[in-house]
Amino acid sequence: MATRCIIAEPCGDGWRGRYSHWDGYPDAKVPQLLTLVKRDGVETVRKVLLHDNYSWSCIDPNCVLDPFITGERHTGWNVVAGYGEAHNDLDSAPDFFTQGSEGFAWAEFLYVLGDASVFVFQAGGNNDATVWDFVREVRYDSELSLA
């Protein structure tokens, strides 16, 4: 079952972000994001996750192109080596999600990639993503990472 989330960056007094479909729970997503930032730096991670691609099926720092994966399931998707599986039609990219957005694709978690930390939020009561409750801040220099 998918646990949807939004990966975001600071923007003005708020944030703007993109959708990620699979495994948005903090126990999985925070180590993935820390691994990417430690490897490539926060600016590159923001660029790849938020500006070069507009939504993600999954984010996986160990992702590589599998030449045997074909078929309808992967139509319109692109393996971004070292980042995951992203939607590749930027011409039809929707606007960024922001704190002022009406719908959040049923996202349960929000991850804001700050300059020194990732900030974790959870959709408010009854999975109400119009209200984001702060969960925790995890510094990029912490030891939490993928094995």
C-alpha atoms as a PDB file:
ATOM      1  CA  MET A   1       0.000   0.000   0.000  1.00  0.00           C
ATOM      2  CA  ALA A   2       1.289   3.446  -0.878  1.00  0.00           C
ATOM      3  CA  THR A   3       2.119   6.024   1.742  1.00  0.00           C
ATOM      4  CA  ARG A   4       2.078   9.263  -0.180  1.00  0.00           C
ATOM      5  CA  CYS A   5       4.193  12.275   0.672  1.00  0.00           C
ATOM      6  CA  ILE A   6       5.332  15.641  -0.576  1.00  0.00           C
ATOM      7  CA  ILE A   7       9.053  16.432  -0.905  1.00  0.00           C
ATOM      8  CA  ALA A   8       9.523  20.209  -0.701  1.00  0.00           C
ATOM      9  CA  GLU A   9      11.943  23.111  -0.471  1.00  0.00           C
ATOM     10  CA  PRO A  10      11.606  26.430   1.369  1.00  0.00           C
ATOM     11  CA  CYS A  11       9.990  29.109  -0.776  1.00  0.00           C
ATOM     12  CA  GLY A  12       9.371  32.609   0.552  1.00  0.00           C
ATOM     13  CA  ASP A  13       7.574  32.290   3.882  1.00  0.00           C
ATOM     14  CA  GLY A  14       6.465  28.742   3.066  1.00  0.00           C
ATOM     15  CA  TRP A  15       7.408  25.799   0.884  1.00  0.00           C
ATOM     16  CA  ARG A  16       6.774  24.233  -2.520  1.00  0.00           C
ATOM     17  CA  GLY A  17       7.078  20.583  -3.375  1.00  0.00           C
ATOM     18  CA  ARG A  18       6.420  17.521  -5.481  1.00  0.00           C
ATOM     19  CA  TYR A  19       4.500  14.297  -4.980  1.00  0.00           C
ATOM     20  CA  SER A  20       6.089  10.928  -4.135  1.00  0.00           C
ATOM     21  CA  HIS A  21       3.893   7.822  -4.147  1.00  0.00           C
ATOM     22  CA  TRP A  22       5.680   4.975  -2.371  1.00  0.00           C
ATOM     23  CA  ASP A  23       6.880   4.555   1.186  1.00  0.00           C
ATOM     24  CA  GLY A  24       6.507   8.060   2.512  1.00  0.00           C
ATOM     25  CA  TYR A  25       6.799   6.970   6.144  1.00  0.00           C
ATOM     26  CA  PRO A  26       9.556   8.852   8.003  1.00  0.00           C
ATOM     27  CA  ASP A  27      11.396   5.614   8.883  1.00  0.00           C
ATOM     28  CA  ALA A  28      11.972   5.048   5.161  1.00  0.00           C
ATOM     29  CA  LYS A  29      11.925   8.543   3.640  1.00  0.00           C
ATOM     30  CA  VAL A  30      14.245  10.367   6.063  1.00  0.00           C
ATOM     31  CA  PRO A  31      17.166   7.934   5.553  1.00  0.00           C
ATOM     32  CA  GLN A  32      16.636   8.122   1.765  1.00  0.00           C
ATOM     33  CA  LEU A  33      16.729  11.920   1.772  1.00  0.00           C
ATOM     34  CA  LEU A  34      19.759  12.028   4.097  1.00  0.00           C
ATOM     35  CA  THR A  35      21.618   9.575   1.867  1.00  0.00           C
ATOM     36  CA  LEU A  36      20.910  11.678  -1.228  1.00  0.00           C
ATOM     37  CA  VAL A  37      21.928  14.962   0.447  1.00  0.00           C
ATOM     38  CA  LYS A  38      25.117  13.498   1.912  1.00  0.00           C
ATOM     39  CA  ARG A  39      26.039  12.088  -1.494  1.00  0.00           C
ATOM     40  CA  ASP A  40      25.094  15.016  -3.788  1.00  0.00           C
ATOM     41  CA  GLY A  41      24.400  18.078  -1.616  1.00  0.00           C
ATOM     42  CA  VAL A  42      21.050  19.676  -0.870  1.00  0.00           C
ATOM     43  CA  GLU A  43      20.995  21.982  -3.915  1.00  0.00           C
ATOM     44  CA  THR A  44      21.468  19.091  -6.352  1.00  0.00           C
ATOM     45  CA  VAL A  45      18.884  16.977  -4.537  1.00  0.00           C
ATOM     46  CA  ARG A  46      16.359  19.829  -4.677  1.00  0.00           C
ATOM     47  CA  LYS A  47      17.085  20.301  -8.386  1.00  0.00           C
ATOM     48  CA  VAL A  48      16.634  16.623  -9.278  1.00  0.00           C
ATOM     49  CA  LEU A  49      13.661  15.877  -7.018  1.00  0.00           C
ATOM     50  CA  LEU A  50      11.746  19.131  -7.463  1.00  0.00           C
ATOM     51  CA  HIS A  51      12.824  20.925 -10.640  1.00  0.00           C
ATOM     52  CA  ASP A  52      13.952  18.246 -13.104  1.00  0.00           C
ATOM     53  CA  ASN A  53      11.019  15.901 -12.340  1.00  0.00           C
ATOM     54  CA  TYR A  54       7.518  16.691 -11.210  1.00  0.00           C
ATOM     55  CA  SER A  55       6.411  13.515  -9.435  1.00  0.00           C
ATOM     56  CA  TRP A  56       7.916  10.278  -8.209  1.00  0.00           C
ATOM     57  CA  SER A  57       6.695   6.715  -8.064  1.00  0.00           C
ATOM     58  CA  CYS A  58       9.497   5.975  -5.615  1.00  0.00           C
ATOM     59  CA  ILE A  59      12.651   7.630  -4.357  1.00  0.00           C
ATOM     60  CA  ASP A  60      15.519   5.186  -3.958  1.00  0.00           C
ATOM     61  CA  PRO A  61      19.215   6.200  -3.815  1.00  0.00           C
ATOM     62  CA  ASN A  62      20.126   2.683  -5.008  1.00  0.00           C
ATOM     63  CA  CYS A  63      17.864   2.806  -8.065  1.00  0.00           C
ATOM     64  CA  VAL A  64      19.356   1.699 -11.383  1.00  0.00           C
ATOM     65  CA  LEU A  65      17.811   1.137 -14.795  1.00  0.00           C
ATOM     66  CA  ASP A  66      16.506  -2.427 -15.137  1.00  0.00           C
ATOM     67  CA  PRO A  67      16.524  -3.323 -18.847  1.00  0.00           C
ATOM     68  CA  PHE A  68      13.958  -6.072 -18.237  1.00  0.00           C
ATOM     69  CA  ILE A  69      11.259  -3.720 -16.914  1.00  0.00           C
ATOM     70  CA  THR A  70       8.957  -2.865 -19.763  1.00  0.00           C
ATOM     71  CA  GLY A  71       5.285  -2.607 -20.491  1.00  0.00           C
ATOM     72  CA  GLU A  72       2.335  -0.398 -19.735  1.00  0.00           C
ATOM     73  CA  ARG A  73       3.137  -0.050 -16.045  1.00  0.00           C
ATOM     74  CA  HIS A  74       6.251   1.954 -16.905  1.00  0.00           C
ATOM     75  CA  THR A  75       4.840   4.072 -19.713  1.00  0.00           C
ATOM     76  CA  GLY A  76       5.508   7.721 -18.869  1.00  0.00           C
ATOM     77  CA  TRP A  77       8.001   6.861 -16.124  1.00  0.00           C
ATOM     78  CA  ASN A  78      11.743   7.226 -16.145  1.00  0.00           C
ATOM     79  CA  VAL A  79      14.381   5.649 -13.935  1.00  0.00           C
ATOM     80  CA  VAL A  80      16.642   8.419 -12.655  1.00  0.00           C
ATOM     81  CA  ALA A  81      19.767   6.491 -11.671  1.00  0.00           C
ATOM     82  CA  GLY A  82      20.610   7.037  -8.028  1.00  0.00           C
ATOM     83  CA  TYR A  83      17.300   8.817  -7.321  1.00  0.00           C
ATOM     84  CA  GLY A  84      14.352   6.590  -8.173  1.00  0.00           C
ATOM     85  CA  GLU A  85      11.517   6.305 -10.630  1.00  0.00           C
ATOM     86  CA  ALA A  86      10.059   9.636 -11.782  1.00  0.00           C
ATOM     87  CA  HIS A  87       7.362  10.809 -14.116  1.00  0.00           C
ATOM     88  CA  ASN A  88       9.150  12.127 -17.195  1.00  0.00           C
ATOM     89  CA  ASP A  89       6.622  14.350 -18.970  1.00  0.00           C
ATOM     90  CA  LEU A  90       7.685  17.802 -17.759  1.00  0.00           C
ATOM     91  CA  ASP A  91       5.587  19.458 -20.488  1.00  0.00           C
ATOM     92  CA  SER A  92       2.458  18.434 -18.597  1.00  0.00           C
ATOM     93  CA  ALA A  93       3.900  19.136 -15.149  1.00  0.00           C
ATOM     94  CA  PRO A  94       1.375  20.433 -12.652  1.00  0.00           C
ATOM     95  CA  ASP A  95       2.146  23.389 -10.458  1.00  0.00           C
ATOM     96  CA  PHE A  96       4.136  22.811  -7.299  1.00  0.00           C
ATOM     97  CA  PHE A  97       2.181  21.826  -4.213  1.00  0.00           C
ATOM     98  CA  THR A  98       2.370  24.655  -1.666  1.00  0.00           C
ATOM     99  CA  GLN A  99       1.012  25.225   1.822  1.00  0.00           C
ATOM    100  CA  GLY A 100      -1.848  27.062   0.091  1.00  0.00           C
ATOM    101  CA  SER A 101      -2.794  24.163  -2.198  1.00  0.00           C
ATOM    102  CA  GLU A 102      -6.286  22.738  -1.919  1.00  0.00           C
ATOM    103  CA  GLY A 103      -5.497  19.077  -2.635  1.00  0.00           C
ATOM    104  CA  PHE A 104      -2.415  17.108  -1.732  1.00  0.00           C
ATOM    105  CA  ALA A 105      -3.081  13.786  -3.517  1.00  0.00           C
ATOM    106  CA  TRP A 106      -3.845  12.237  -0.121  1.00  0.00           C
ATOM    107  CA  ALA A 107      -0.284  12.817   1.055  1.00  0.00           C
ATOM    108  CA  GLU A 108       0.272  11.797   4.659  1.00  0.00           C
ATOM    109  CA  PHE A 109       3.716  13.298   5.176  1.00  0.00           C
ATOM    110  CA  LEU A 110       5.628  16.395   4.098  1.00  0.00           C
ATOM    111  CA  TYR A 111       9.439  16.675   3.982  1.00  0.00           C
ATOM    112  CA  VAL A 112      10.941  20.145   3.612  1.00  0.00           C
ATOM    113  CA  LEU A 113      14.591  20.092   2.513  1.00  0.00           C
ATOM    114  CA  GLY A 114      16.069  23.000   4.448  1.00  0.00           C
ATOM    115  CA  ASP A 115      19.667  24.176   4.153  1.00  0.00           C
ATOM    116  CA  ALA A 116      20.977  22.081   7.079  1.00  0.00           C
ATOM    117  CA  SER A 117      18.065  19.769   7.960  1.00  0.00           C
ATOM    118  CA  VAL A 118      15.019  17.991   6.666  1.00  0.00           C
ATOM    119  CA  PHE A 119      11.822  19.036   8.451  1.00  0.00           C
ATOM    120  CA  VAL A 120       9.187  16.332   8.815  1.00  0.00           C
ATOM    121  CA  PHE A 121       5.464  17.111   9.012  1.00  0.00           C
ATOM    122  CA  GLN A 122       2.381  14.895   9.132  1.00  0.00           C
ATOM    123  CA  ALA A 123      -1.051  15.681   7.756  1.00  0.00           C
ATOM    124  CA  GLY A 124      -3.323  16.941  10.533  1.00  0.00           C
ATOM    125  CA  GLY A 125      -6.222  15.113  12.133  1.00  0.00           C
ATOM    126  CA  ASN A 126      -8.175  12.804   9.832  1.00  0.00           C
ATOM    127  CA  ASN A 127      -5.302  13.053   7.323  1.00  0.00           C
ATOM    128  CA  ASP A 128      -6.175  16.720   6.716  1.00  0.00           C
ATOM    129  CA  ALA A 129      -3.296  17.978   4.578  1.00  0.00           C
ATOM    130  CA  THR A 130      -4.520  21.546   4.828  1.00  0.00           C
ATOM    131  CA  VAL A 131      -2.902  21.438   8.274  1.00  0.00           C
ATOM    132  CA  TRP A 132       0.635  20.077   8.623  1.00  0.00           C
ATOM    133  CA  ASP A 133       1.737  19.106  12.146  1.00  0.00           C
ATOM    134  CA  PHE A 134       5.470  19.364  12.824  1.00  0.00           C
ATOM    135  CA  VAL A 135       6.982  15.960  13.712  1.00  0.00           C
ATOM    136  CA  ARG A 136      10.750  16.484  13.871  1.00  0.00           C
ATOM    137  CA  GLU A 137      13.871  18.052  12.401  1.00  0.00           C
ATOM    138  CA  VAL A 138      16.729  15.794  11.279  1.00  0.00           C
ATOM    139  CA  ARG A 139      20.078  17.391  10.508  1.00  0.00           C
ATOM    140  CA  TYR A 140      21.855  16.235   7.363  1.00  0.00           C
ATOM    141  CA  ASP A 141      24.998  15.554   9.378  1.00  0.00           C
ATOM    142  CA  SER A 142      23.183  13.019  11.586  1.00  0.00           C
ATOM    143  CA  GLU A 143      24.161   9.359  11.470  1.00  0.00           C
ATOM    144  CA  LEU A 144      20.751   8.167  10.257  1.00  0.00           C
ATOM    145  CA  SER A 145      21.245   6.801   6.725  1.00  0.00           C
ATOM    146  CA  LEU A 146      20.574   3.800   4.507  1.00  0.00           C
ATOM    147  CA  ALA A 147      22.748   0.742   4.952  1.00  0.00           C
END
